[in-house]
Amino acid sequence: MNFDKNINKYKELIEIFSSEKRLIRLKSYGKAIFVGDTHGDFDASKTIIEKYLNRENTIIFL
């Protein structure tokens, strides 16, 4: 892509992101579990899911 096409794509993305809501509302009756970047560590991600995933909890991977 040349410079002008990149600028146009950037402007399109700004328009899209500007129109989206910034708050996501989740219905959860348990805990919200925030998980930092596991850098592709499958075992760590698997352990978190096995330990905390149930109908009451919401897991949010950053």
C-alpha atoms as a PDB file:
ATOM      1  CA  MET A   1       0.000   0.000   0.000  1.00  0.00           C
ATOM      2  CA  ASN A   2       1.195   3.471  -0.681  1.00  0.00           C
ATOM      3  CA  PHE A   3       1.073   6.382   1.744  1.00  0.00           C
ATOM      4  CA  ASP A   4      -2.259   7.815   0.520  1.00  0.00           C
ATOM      5  CA  LYS A   5      -3.990   4.438   0.749  1.00  0.00           C
ATOM      6  CA  ASN A   6      -2.662   3.985   4.284  1.00  0.00           C
ATOM      7  CA  ILE A   7      -3.948   7.411   5.308  1.00  0.00           C
ATOM      8  CA  ASN A   8      -7.370   6.675   3.806  1.00  0.00           C
ATOM      9  CA  LYS A   9      -7.558   3.317   5.596  1.00  0.00           C
ATOM     10  CA  TYR A  10      -6.536   5.006   8.848  1.00  0.00           C
ATOM     11  CA  LYS A  11      -9.326   7.581   8.422  1.00  0.00           C
ATOM     12  CA  GLU A  12     -11.842   4.784   7.772  1.00  0.00           C
ATOM     13  CA  LEU A  13     -10.759   2.997  10.949  1.00  0.00           C
ATOM     14  CA  ILE A  14     -11.017   6.173  13.017  1.00  0.00           C
ATOM     15  CA  GLU A  15     -14.577   6.637  11.770  1.00  0.00           C
ATOM     16  CA  ILE A  16     -15.499   3.041  12.639  1.00  0.00           C
ATOM     17  CA  PHE A  17     -13.927   3.111  16.113  1.00  0.00           C
ATOM     18  CA  SER A  18     -15.408   6.540  16.875  1.00  0.00           C
ATOM     19  CA  SER A  19     -18.919   5.241  16.281  1.00  0.00           C
ATOM     20  CA  GLU A  20     -18.543   2.173  18.529  1.00  0.00           C
ATOM     21  CA  LYS A  21     -19.492   2.143  22.172  1.00  0.00           C
ATOM     22  CA  ARG A  22     -16.629   2.015  24.632  1.00  0.00           C
ATOM     23  CA  LEU A  23     -18.473   0.161  27.358  1.00  0.00           C
ATOM     24  CA  ILE A  24     -19.406  -3.481  27.135  1.00  0.00           C
ATOM     25  CA  ARG A  25     -22.139  -4.522  29.521  1.00  0.00           C
ATOM     26  CA  LEU A  26     -21.933  -8.099  30.729  1.00  0.00           C
ATOM     27  CA  LYS A  27     -24.596  -9.942  32.658  1.00  0.00           C
ATOM     28  CA  SER A  28     -22.735 -11.817  35.325  1.00  0.00           C
ATOM     29  CA  TYR A  29     -23.815 -12.970  38.729  1.00  0.00           C
ATOM     30  CA  GLY A  30     -20.415 -14.165  39.857  1.00  0.00           C
ATOM     31  CA  LYS A  31     -16.944 -12.761  39.526  1.00  0.00           C
ATOM     32  CA  ALA A  32     -15.283 -10.961  36.635  1.00  0.00           C
ATOM     33  CA  ILE A  33     -11.840 -12.532  36.238  1.00  0.00           C
ATOM     34  CA  PHE A  34      -9.339 -10.313  34.406  1.00  0.00           C
ATOM     35  CA  VAL A  35      -6.387 -12.185  32.903  1.00  0.00           C
ATOM     36  CA  GLY A  36      -3.308 -10.374  31.643  1.00  0.00           C
ATOM     37  CA  ASP A  37      -1.556 -11.262  28.412  1.00  0.00           C
ATOM     38  CA  THR A  38      -0.398 -14.879  28.753  1.00  0.00           C
ATOM     39  CA  HIS A  39       1.830 -14.497  25.681  1.00  0.00           C
ATOM     40  CA  GLY A  40       0.501 -17.690  24.135  1.00  0.00           C
ATOM     41  CA  ASP A  41       1.150 -19.772  27.246  1.00  0.00           C
ATOM     42  CA  PHE A  42      -1.426 -22.475  26.574  1.00  0.00           C
ATOM     43  CA  ASP A  43      -0.960 -24.196  29.942  1.00  0.00           C
ATOM     44  CA  ALA A  44      -1.545 -20.963  31.887  1.00  0.00           C
ATOM     45  CA  SER A  45      -4.650 -20.126  29.840  1.00  0.00           C
ATOM     46  CA  LYS A  46      -5.959 -23.676  30.217  1.00  0.00           C
ATOM     47  CA  THR A  47      -5.442 -23.604  33.993  1.00  0.00           C
ATOM     48  CA  ILE A  48      -7.329 -20.317  34.328  1.00  0.00           C
ATOM     49  CA  ILE A  49     -10.225 -21.626  32.244  1.00  0.00           C
ATOM     50  CA  GLU A  50     -10.399 -24.913  34.158  1.00  0.00           C
ATOM     51  CA  LYS A  51     -10.223 -23.177  37.533  1.00  0.00           C
ATOM     52  CA  TYR A  52     -12.561 -20.220  36.977  1.00  0.00           C
ATOM     53  CA  LEU A  53     -14.887 -20.840  34.017  1.00  0.00           C
ATOM     54  CA  ASN A  54     -18.421 -21.594  35.117  1.00  0.00           C
ATOM     55  CA  ARG A  55     -21.909 -20.161  34.617  1.00  0.00           C
ATOM     56  CA  GLU A  56     -21.434 -17.520  37.306  1.00  0.00           C
ATOM     57  CA  ASN A  57     -18.041 -16.122  36.286  1.00  0.00           C
ATOM     58  CA  THR A  58     -16.885 -14.098  33.304  1.00  0.00           C
ATOM     59  CA  ILE A  59     -13.261 -14.392  32.167  1.00  0.00           C
ATOM     60  CA  ILE A  60     -11.811 -11.385  30.359  1.00  0.00           C
ATOM     61  CA  PHE A  61      -8.515 -11.960  28.553  1.00  0.00           C
ATOM     62  CA  LEU A  62      -6.577  -8.749  27.949  1.00  0.00           C
END
